[in-house]
Amino acid sequence: MKAVEVMGKVDRQGQLLLDEPLEIKSDSRVKVILLIADEDVLDPDDTPVEEIQGSLIRALQDVKAGKTRPISELWDRIEHE
């Protein structure tokens, strides 16, 4: 068996609606396991795509402007956190 992770939501009729179509062979049997998030708990791995894109754009602009730091300095900061 192969695992595929996708996001979606359950509508008012209890139907599962996926955010993206599955790229698998049609008429395949599947086993569905639902992980339902608590309403008041955000998953730290669910960073919005827009936020990630903005961060990457800022990072690329910094590199183009020569605003870089030695990797040793970055590792030092990580080790002290």
PDB file of N, CA and C in Angstrom:
ATOM      1  N   MET A   1       0.840  -1.181   0.000  1.00  0.00           N
ATOM      2  CA  MET A   1       0.000   0.000   0.000  1.00  0.00           C
ATOM      3  C   MET A   1       0.880   1.238   0.000  1.00  0.00           C
ATOM      4  N   LYS A   2       0.454   2.269  -0.690  1.00  0.00           N
ATOM      5  CA  LYS A   2       1.185   3.525  -0.807  1.00  0.00           C
ATOM      6  C   LYS A   2       0.387   4.620  -0.097  1.00  0.00           C
ATOM      7  N   ALA A   3       1.072   5.529   0.601  1.00  0.00           N
ATOM      8  CA  ALA A   3       0.392   6.618   1.314  1.00  0.00           C
ATOM      9  C   ALA A   3       0.488   7.908   0.506  1.00  0.00           C
ATOM     10  N   VAL A   4      -0.591   8.663   0.493  1.00  0.00           N
ATOM     11  CA  VAL A   4      -0.647   9.965  -0.155  1.00  0.00           C
ATOM     12  C   VAL A   4      -1.287  10.924   0.843  1.00  0.00           C
ATOM     13  N   GLU A   5      -0.625  12.035   1.126  1.00  0.00           N
ATOM     14  CA  GLU A   5      -1.191  13.009   2.065  1.00  0.00           C
ATOM     15  C   GLU A   5      -1.800  14.163   1.291  1.00  0.00           C
ATOM     16  N   VAL A   6      -3.052  14.464   1.568  1.00  0.00           N
ATOM     17  CA  VAL A   6      -3.749  15.577   0.935  1.00  0.00           C
ATOM     18  C   VAL A   6      -4.567  16.304   2.000  1.00  0.00           C
ATOM     19  N   MET A   7      -4.908  17.539   1.723  1.00  0.00           N
ATOM     20  CA  MET A   7      -5.752  18.313   2.624  1.00  0.00           C
ATOM     21  C   MET A   7      -7.137  18.437   2.006  1.00  0.00           C
ATOM     22  N   GLY A   8      -8.118  18.642   2.842  1.00  0.00           N
ATOM     23  CA  GLY A   8      -9.482  18.802   2.370  1.00  0.00           C
ATOM     24  C   GLY A   8     -10.371  19.221   3.518  1.00  0.00           C
ATOM     25  N   LYS A   9     -11.654  19.162   3.281  1.00  0.00           N
ATOM     26  CA  LYS A   9     -12.603  19.493   4.335  1.00  0.00           C
ATOM     27  C   LYS A   9     -13.839  18.622   4.173  1.00  0.00           C
ATOM     28  N   VAL A  10     -14.634  18.571   5.223  1.00  0.00           N
ATOM     29  CA  VAL A  10     -15.886  17.826   5.203  1.00  0.00           C
ATOM     30  C   VAL A  10     -17.014  18.849   5.099  1.00  0.00           C
ATOM     31  N   ASP A  11     -17.896  18.665   4.114  1.00  0.00           N
ATOM     32  CA  ASP A  11     -18.996  19.613   3.938  1.00  0.00           C
ATOM     33  C   ASP A  11     -20.155  19.286   4.879  1.00  0.00           C
ATOM     34  N   ARG A  12     -21.228  20.046   4.794  1.00  0.00           N
ATOM     35  CA  ARG A  12     -22.376  19.886   5.694  1.00  0.00           C
ATOM     36  C   ARG A  12     -23.077  18.534   5.542  1.00  0.00           C
ATOM     37  N   GLN A  13     -22.905  17.901   4.400  1.00  0.00           N
ATOM     38  CA  GLN A  13     -23.507  16.589   4.173  1.00  0.00           C
ATOM     39  C   GLN A  13     -22.577  15.447   4.588  1.00  0.00           C
ATOM     40  N   GLY A  14     -21.415  15.786   5.145  1.00  0.00           N
ATOM     41  CA  GLY A  14     -20.470  14.762   5.578  1.00  0.00           C
ATOM     42  C   GLY A  14     -19.606  14.213   4.456  1.00  0.00           C
ATOM     43  N   GLN A  15     -19.611  14.888   3.310  1.00  0.00           N
ATOM     44  CA  GLN A  15     -18.809  14.448   2.176  1.00  0.00           C
ATOM     45  C   GLN A  15     -17.405  15.048   2.277  1.00  0.00           C
ATOM     46  N   LEU A  16     -16.412  14.257   1.952  1.00  0.00           N
ATOM     47  CA  LEU A  16     -15.026  14.704   1.983  1.00  0.00           C
ATOM     48  C   LEU A  16     -14.700  15.411   0.673  1.00  0.00           C
ATOM     49  N   LEU A  17     -14.246  16.668   0.766  1.00  0.00           N
ATOM     50  CA  LEU A  17     -13.871  17.460  -0.407  1.00  0.00           C
ATOM     51  C   LEU A  17     -12.369  17.722  -0.354  1.00  0.00           C
ATOM     52  N   LEU A  18     -11.619  17.202  -1.311  1.00  0.00           N
ATOM     53  CA  LEU A  18     -10.174  17.383  -1.337  1.00  0.00           C
ATOM     54  C   LEU A  18      -9.812  18.719  -1.975  1.00  0.00           C
ATOM     55  N   ASP A  19      -8.738  19.343  -1.481  1.00  0.00           N
ATOM     56  CA  ASP A  19      -8.282  20.623  -2.028  1.00  0.00           C
ATOM     57  C   ASP A  19      -7.741  20.470  -3.449  1.00  0.00           C
ATOM     58  N   GLU A  20      -7.164  19.335  -3.750  1.00  0.00           N
ATOM     59  CA  GLU A  20      -6.548  19.078  -5.060  1.00  0.00           C
ATOM     60  C   GLU A  20      -7.015  17.716  -5.559  1.00  0.00           C
ATOM     61  N   PRO A  21      -7.115  17.536  -6.880  1.00  0.00           N
ATOM     62  CA  PRO A  21      -7.456  16.203  -7.381  1.00  0.00           C
ATOM     63  C   PRO A  21      -6.315  15.217  -7.127  1.00  0.00           C
ATOM     64  N   LEU A  22      -6.652  13.974  -6.927  1.00  0.00           N
ATOM     65  CA  LEU A  22      -5.643  12.935  -6.722  1.00  0.00           C
ATOM     66  C   LEU A  22      -5.062  12.507  -8.063  1.00  0.00           C
ATOM     67  N   GLU A  23      -3.772  12.302  -8.095  1.00  0.00           N
ATOM     68  CA  GLU A  23      -3.121  11.829  -9.314  1.00  0.00           C
ATOM     69  C   GLU A  23      -2.846  10.337  -9.167  1.00  0.00           C
ATOM     70  N   ILE A  24      -3.937   9.575  -9.135  1.00  0.00           N
ATOM     71  CA  ILE A  24      -3.835   8.127  -9.025  1.00  0.00           C
ATOM     72  C   ILE A  24      -4.732   7.503 -10.081  1.00  0.00           C
ATOM     73  N   LYS A  25      -4.532   6.213 -10.302  1.00  0.00           N
ATOM     74  CA  LYS A  25      -5.335   5.490 -11.272  1.00  0.00           C
ATOM     75  C   LYS A  25      -6.803   5.503 -10.843  1.00  0.00           C
ATOM     76  N   SER A  26      -7.687   5.794 -11.782  1.00  0.00           N
ATOM     77  CA  SER A  26      -9.123   5.806 -11.496  1.00  0.00           C
ATOM     78  C   SER A  26      -9.586   4.433 -11.044  1.00  0.00           C
ATOM     79  N   ASP A  27     -10.661   4.417 -10.290  1.00  0.00           N
ATOM     80  CA  ASP A  27     -11.283   3.190  -9.790  1.00  0.00           C
ATOM     81  C   ASP A  27     -10.398   2.399  -8.837  1.00  0.00           C
ATOM     82  N   SER A  28      -9.389   3.061  -8.244  1.00  0.00           N
ATOM     83  CA  SER A  28      -8.543   2.396  -7.252  1.00  0.00           C
ATOM     84  C   SER A  28      -9.278   2.338  -5.922  1.00  0.00           C
ATOM     85  N   ARG A  29      -9.136   1.236  -5.207  1.00  0.00           N
ATOM     86  CA  ARG A  29      -9.669   1.144  -3.846  1.00  0.00           C
ATOM     87  C   ARG A  29      -8.705   1.903  -2.946  1.00  0.00           C
ATOM     88  N   VAL A  30      -9.229   2.638  -1.985  1.00  0.00           N
ATOM     89  CA  VAL A  30      -8.403   3.409  -1.066  1.00  0.00           C
ATOM     90  C   VAL A  30      -8.888   3.200   0.358  1.00  0.00           C
ATOM     91  N   LYS A  31      -7.977   3.393   1.295  1.00  0.00           N
ATOM     92  CA  LYS A  31      -8.332   3.404   2.711  1.00  0.00           C
ATOM     93  C   LYS A  31      -8.156   4.849   3.167  1.00  0.00           C
ATOM     94  N   VAL A  32      -9.162   5.401   3.821  1.00  0.00           N
ATOM     95  CA  VAL A  32      -9.130   6.797   4.237  1.00  0.00           C
ATOM     96  C   VAL A  32      -9.004   6.856   5.750  1.00  0.00           C
ATOM     97  N   ILE A  33      -8.000   7.588   6.227  1.00  0.00           N
ATOM     98  CA  ILE A  33      -7.809   7.830   7.653  1.00  0.00           C
ATOM     99  C   ILE A  33      -7.869   9.344   7.834  1.00  0.00           C
ATOM    100  N   LEU A  34      -8.778   9.826   8.646  1.00  0.00           N
ATOM    101  CA  LEU A  34      -8.935  11.258   8.840  1.00  0.00           C
ATOM    102  C   LEU A  34      -8.231  11.713  10.111  1.00  0.00           C
ATOM    103  N   LEU A  35      -7.457  12.789  10.003  1.00  0.00           N
ATOM    104  CA  LEU A  35      -6.862  13.462  11.153  1.00  0.00           C
ATOM    105  C   LEU A  35      -7.573  14.800  11.264  1.00  0.00           C
ATOM    106  N   ILE A  36      -8.370  14.970  12.287  1.00  0.00           N
ATOM    107  CA  ILE A  36      -9.202  16.155  12.428  1.00  0.00           C
ATOM    108  C   ILE A  36      -8.565  17.092  13.446  1.00  0.00           C
ATOM    109  N   ALA A  37      -8.243  18.308  12.997  1.00  0.00           N
ATOM    110  CA  ALA A  37      -7.596  19.287  13.862  1.00  0.00           C
ATOM    111  C   ALA A  37      -8.585  19.841  14.873  1.00  0.00           C
ATOM    112  N   ASP A  38      -8.114  20.060  16.104  1.00  0.00           N
ATOM    113  CA  ASP A  38      -8.919  20.760  17.096  1.00  0.00           C
ATOM    114  C   ASP A  38      -9.102  22.189  16.601  1.00  0.00           C
ATOM    115  N   GLU A  39     -10.251  22.762  16.835  1.00  0.00           N
ATOM    116  CA  GLU A  39     -10.559  24.103  16.336  1.00  0.00           C
ATOM    117  C   GLU A  39      -9.576  25.156  16.857  1.00  0.00           C
ATOM    118  N   ASP A  40      -9.121  24.999  18.107  1.00  0.00           N
ATOM    119  CA  ASP A  40      -8.276  26.029  18.705  1.00  0.00           C
ATOM    120  C   ASP A  40      -6.786  25.707  18.651  1.00  0.00           C
ATOM    121  N   VAL A  41      -6.410  24.626  17.975  1.00  0.00           N
ATOM    122  CA  VAL A  41      -5.004  24.243  17.908  1.00  0.00           C
ATOM    123  C   VAL A  41      -4.555  24.269  16.454  1.00  0.00           C
ATOM    124  N   LEU A  42      -3.549  25.089  16.165  1.00  0.00           N
ATOM    125  CA  LEU A  42      -3.007  25.148  14.814  1.00  0.00           C
ATOM    126  C   LEU A  42      -1.813  24.213  14.707  1.00  0.00           C
ATOM    127  N   ASP A  43      -1.736  23.505  13.607  1.00  0.00           N
ATOM    128  CA  ASP A  43      -0.597  22.625  13.348  1.00  0.00           C
ATOM    129  C   ASP A  43       0.566  23.483  12.858  1.00  0.00           C
ATOM    130  N   PRO A  44       1.725  23.444  13.539  1.00  0.00           N
ATOM    131  CA  PRO A  44       2.849  24.286  13.118  1.00  0.00           C
ATOM    132  C   PRO A  44       3.348  23.950  11.714  1.00  0.00           C
ATOM    133  N   ASP A  45       2.996  22.776  11.194  1.00  0.00           N
ATOM    134  CA  ASP A  45       3.404  22.417   9.840  1.00  0.00           C
ATOM    135  C   ASP A  45       2.471  22.992   8.788  1.00  0.00           C
ATOM    136  N   ASP A  46       1.388  23.612   9.187  1.00  0.00           N
ATOM    137  CA  ASP A  46       0.417  24.146   8.245  1.00  0.00           C
ATOM    138  C   ASP A  46       0.610  25.636   8.014  1.00  0.00           C
ATOM    139  N   THR A  47       1.838  26.040   7.727  1.00  0.00           N
ATOM    140  CA  THR A  47       2.119  27.436   7.415  1.00  0.00           C
ATOM    141  C   THR A  47       1.444  27.773   6.095  1.00  0.00           C
ATOM    142  N   PRO A  48       0.688  28.862   6.044  1.00  0.00           N
ATOM    143  CA  PRO A  48       0.013  29.224   4.798  1.00  0.00           C
ATOM    144  C   PRO A  48       1.002  29.422   3.648  1.00  0.00           C
ATOM    145  N   VAL A  49       0.606  28.993   2.468  1.00  0.00           N
ATOM    146  CA  VAL A  49       1.463  29.082   1.282  1.00  0.00           C
ATOM    147  C   VAL A  49       1.885  30.530   1.031  1.00  0.00           C
ATOM    148  N   GLU A  50       0.973  31.471   1.217  1.00  0.00           N
ATOM    149  CA  GLU A  50       1.289  32.878   0.983  1.00  0.00           C
ATOM    150  C   GLU A  50       2.425  33.349   1.893  1.00  0.00           C
ATOM    151  N   GLU A  51       2.419  32.884   3.139  1.00  0.00           N
ATOM    152  CA  GLU A  51       3.471  33.264   4.091  1.00  0.00           C
ATOM    153  C   GLU A  51       4.823  32.683   3.662  1.00  0.00           C
ATOM    154  N   ILE A  52       4.824  31.454   3.222  1.00  0.00           N
ATOM    155  CA  ILE A  52       6.059  30.819   2.750  1.00  0.00           C
ATOM    156  C   ILE A  52       6.584  31.535   1.516  1.00  0.00           C
ATOM    157  N   GLN A  53       5.698  31.843   0.570  1.00  0.00           N
ATOM    158  CA  GLN A  53       6.111  32.543  -0.645  1.00  0.00           C
ATOM    159  C   GLN A  53       6.705  33.906  -0.314  1.00  0.00           C
ATOM    160  N   GLY A  54       6.069  34.639   0.598  1.00  0.00           N
ATOM    161  CA  GLY A  54       6.581  35.949   0.993  1.00  0.00           C
ATOM    162  C   GLY A  54       7.959  35.859   1.616  1.00  0.00           C
ATOM    163  N   SER A  55       8.158  34.859   2.456  1.00  0.00           N
ATOM    164  CA  SER A  55       9.452  34.656   3.097  1.00  0.00           C
ATOM    165  C   SER A  55      10.531  34.334   2.068  1.00  0.00           C
ATOM    166  N   LEU A  56      10.195  33.483   1.105  1.00  0.00           N
ATOM    167  CA  LEU A  56      11.167  33.138   0.065  1.00  0.00           C
ATOM    168  C   LEU A  56      11.505  34.334  -0.822  1.00  0.00           C
ATOM    169  N   ILE A  57      10.520  35.152  -1.126  1.00  0.00           N
ATOM    170  CA  ILE A  57      10.769  36.354  -1.945  1.00  0.00           C
ATOM    171  C   ILE A  57      11.690  37.314  -1.199  1.00  0.00           C
ATOM    172  N   ARG A  58      11.419  37.529   0.110  1.00  0.00           N
ATOM    173  CA  ARG A  58      12.291  38.407   0.903  1.00  0.00           C
ATOM    174  C   ARG A  58      13.707  37.858   0.969  1.00  0.00           C
ATOM    175  N   ALA A  59      13.838  36.550   1.143  1.00  0.00           N
ATOM    176  CA  ALA A  59      15.162  35.928   1.216  1.00  0.00           C
ATOM    177  C   ALA A  59      15.911  36.105  -0.100  1.00  0.00           C
ATOM    178  N   LEU A  60      15.238  35.922  -1.227  1.00  0.00           N
ATOM    179  CA  LEU A  60      15.878  36.094  -2.529  1.00  0.00           C
ATOM    180  C   LEU A  60      16.302  37.545  -2.738  1.00  0.00           C
ATOM    181  N   GLN A  61      15.471  38.487  -2.317  1.00  0.00           N
ATOM    182  CA  GLN A  61      15.821  39.902  -2.423  1.00  0.00           C
ATOM    183  C   GLN A  61      17.055  40.216  -1.573  1.00  0.00           C
ATOM    184  N   ASP A  62      17.135  39.642  -0.367  1.00  0.00           N
ATOM    185  CA  ASP A  62      18.302  39.839   0.495  1.00  0.00           C
ATOM    186  C   ASP A  62      19.562  39.317  -0.160  1.00  0.00           C
ATOM    187  N   VAL A  63      19.478  38.134  -0.763  1.00  0.00           N
ATOM    188  CA  VAL A  63      20.651  37.552  -1.423  1.00  0.00           C
ATOM    189  C   VAL A  63      21.080  38.432  -2.584  1.00  0.00           C
ATOM    190  N   LYS A  64      20.135  38.883  -3.399  1.00  0.00           N
ATOM    191  CA  LYS A  64      20.461  39.747  -4.542  1.00  0.00           C
ATOM    192  C   LYS A  64      21.087  41.062  -4.091  1.00  0.00           C
ATOM    193  N   ALA A  65      20.688  41.556  -2.901  1.00  0.00           N
ATOM    194  CA  ALA A  65      21.224  42.812  -2.368  1.00  0.00           C
ATOM    195  C   ALA A  65      22.529  42.595  -1.606  1.00  0.00           C
ATOM    196  N   GLY A  66      22.998  41.347  -1.534  1.00  0.00           N
ATOM    197  CA  GLY A  66      24.246  41.058  -0.833  1.00  0.00           C
ATOM    198  C   GLY A  66      24.097  40.974   0.673  1.00  0.00           C
ATOM    199  N   LYS A  67      22.883  40.897   1.163  1.00  0.00           N
ATOM    200  CA  LYS A  67      22.636  40.801   2.601  1.00  0.00           C
ATOM    201  C   LYS A  67      22.676  39.330   3.013  1.00  0.00           C
ATOM    202  N   THR A  68      23.854  38.789   3.121  1.00  0.00           N
ATOM    203  CA  THR A  68      24.020  37.390   3.517  1.00  0.00           C
ATOM    204  C   THR A  68      24.885  37.311   4.763  1.00  0.00           C
ATOM    205  N   ARG A  69      24.830  36.150   5.415  1.00  0.00           N
ATOM    206  CA  ARG A  69      25.643  35.924   6.619  1.00  0.00           C
ATOM    207  C   ARG A  69      26.390  34.613   6.444  1.00  0.00           C
ATOM    208  N   PRO A  70      27.542  34.496   7.063  1.00  0.00           N
ATOM    209  CA  PRO A  70      28.265  33.219   7.006  1.00  0.00           C
ATOM    210  C   PRO A  70      27.442  32.113   7.662  1.00  0.00           C
ATOM    211  N   ILE A  71      27.519  30.930   7.120  1.00  0.00           N
ATOM    212  CA  ILE A  71      26.740  29.808   7.666  1.00  0.00           C
ATOM    213  C   ILE A  71      27.116  29.517   9.115  1.00  0.00           C
ATOM    214  N   SER A  72      28.377  29.752   9.477  1.00  0.00           N
ATOM    215  CA  SER A  72      28.798  29.502  10.866  1.00  0.00           C
ATOM    216  C   SER A  72      28.033  30.397  11.840  1.00  0.00           C
ATOM    217  N   GLU A  73      27.745  31.629  11.432  1.00  0.00           N
ATOM    218  CA  GLU A  73      26.978  32.543  12.282  1.00  0.00           C
ATOM    219  C   GLU A  73      25.545  32.038  12.455  1.00  0.00           C
ATOM    220  N   LEU A  74      24.962  31.540  11.389  1.00  0.00           N
ATOM    221  CA  LEU A  74      23.605  31.011  11.472  1.00  0.00           C
ATOM    222  C   LEU A  74      23.545  29.787  12.369  1.00  0.00           C
ATOM    223  N   TRP A  75      24.531  28.884  12.247  1.00  0.00           N
ATOM    224  CA  TRP A  75      24.563  27.696  13.102  1.00  0.00           C
ATOM    225  C   TRP A  75      24.704  28.081  14.564  1.00  0.00           C
ATOM    226  N   ASP A  76      25.540  29.088  14.849  1.00  0.00           N
ATOM    227  CA  ASP A  76      25.699  29.550  16.235  1.00  0.00           C
ATOM    228  C   ASP A  76      24.366  30.019  16.815  1.00  0.00           C
ATOM    229  N   ARG A  77      23.583  30.757  16.015  1.00  0.00           N
ATOM    230  CA  ARG A  77      22.286  31.230  16.474  1.00  0.00           C
ATOM    231  C   ARG A  77      21.337  30.068  16.742  1.00  0.00           C
ATOM    232  N   ILE A  78      21.361  29.060  15.869  1.00  0.00           N
ATOM    233  CA  ILE A  78      20.479  27.897  16.041  1.00  0.00           C
ATOM    234  C   ILE A  78      20.851  27.128  17.302  1.00  0.00           C
ATOM    235  N   GLU A  79      22.139  26.936  17.536  1.00  0.00           N
ATOM    236  CA  GLU A  79      22.595  26.163  18.699  1.00  0.00           C
ATOM    237  C   GLU A  79      22.257  26.858  20.013  1.00  0.00           C
ATOM    238  N   HIS A  80      22.154  28.181  20.014  1.00  0.00           N
ATOM    239  CA  HIS A  80      21.896  28.923  21.250  1.00  0.00           C
ATOM    240  C   HIS A  80      20.410  29.148  21.511  1.00  0.00           C
ATOM    241  N   GLU A  81      19.555  28.694  20.626  1.00  0.00           N
ATOM    242  CA  GLU A  81      18.103  28.876  20.833  1.00  0.00           C
ATOM    243  C   GLU A  81      17.528  27.802  21.679  1.00  0.00           C
TER     244      GLU A  81
END
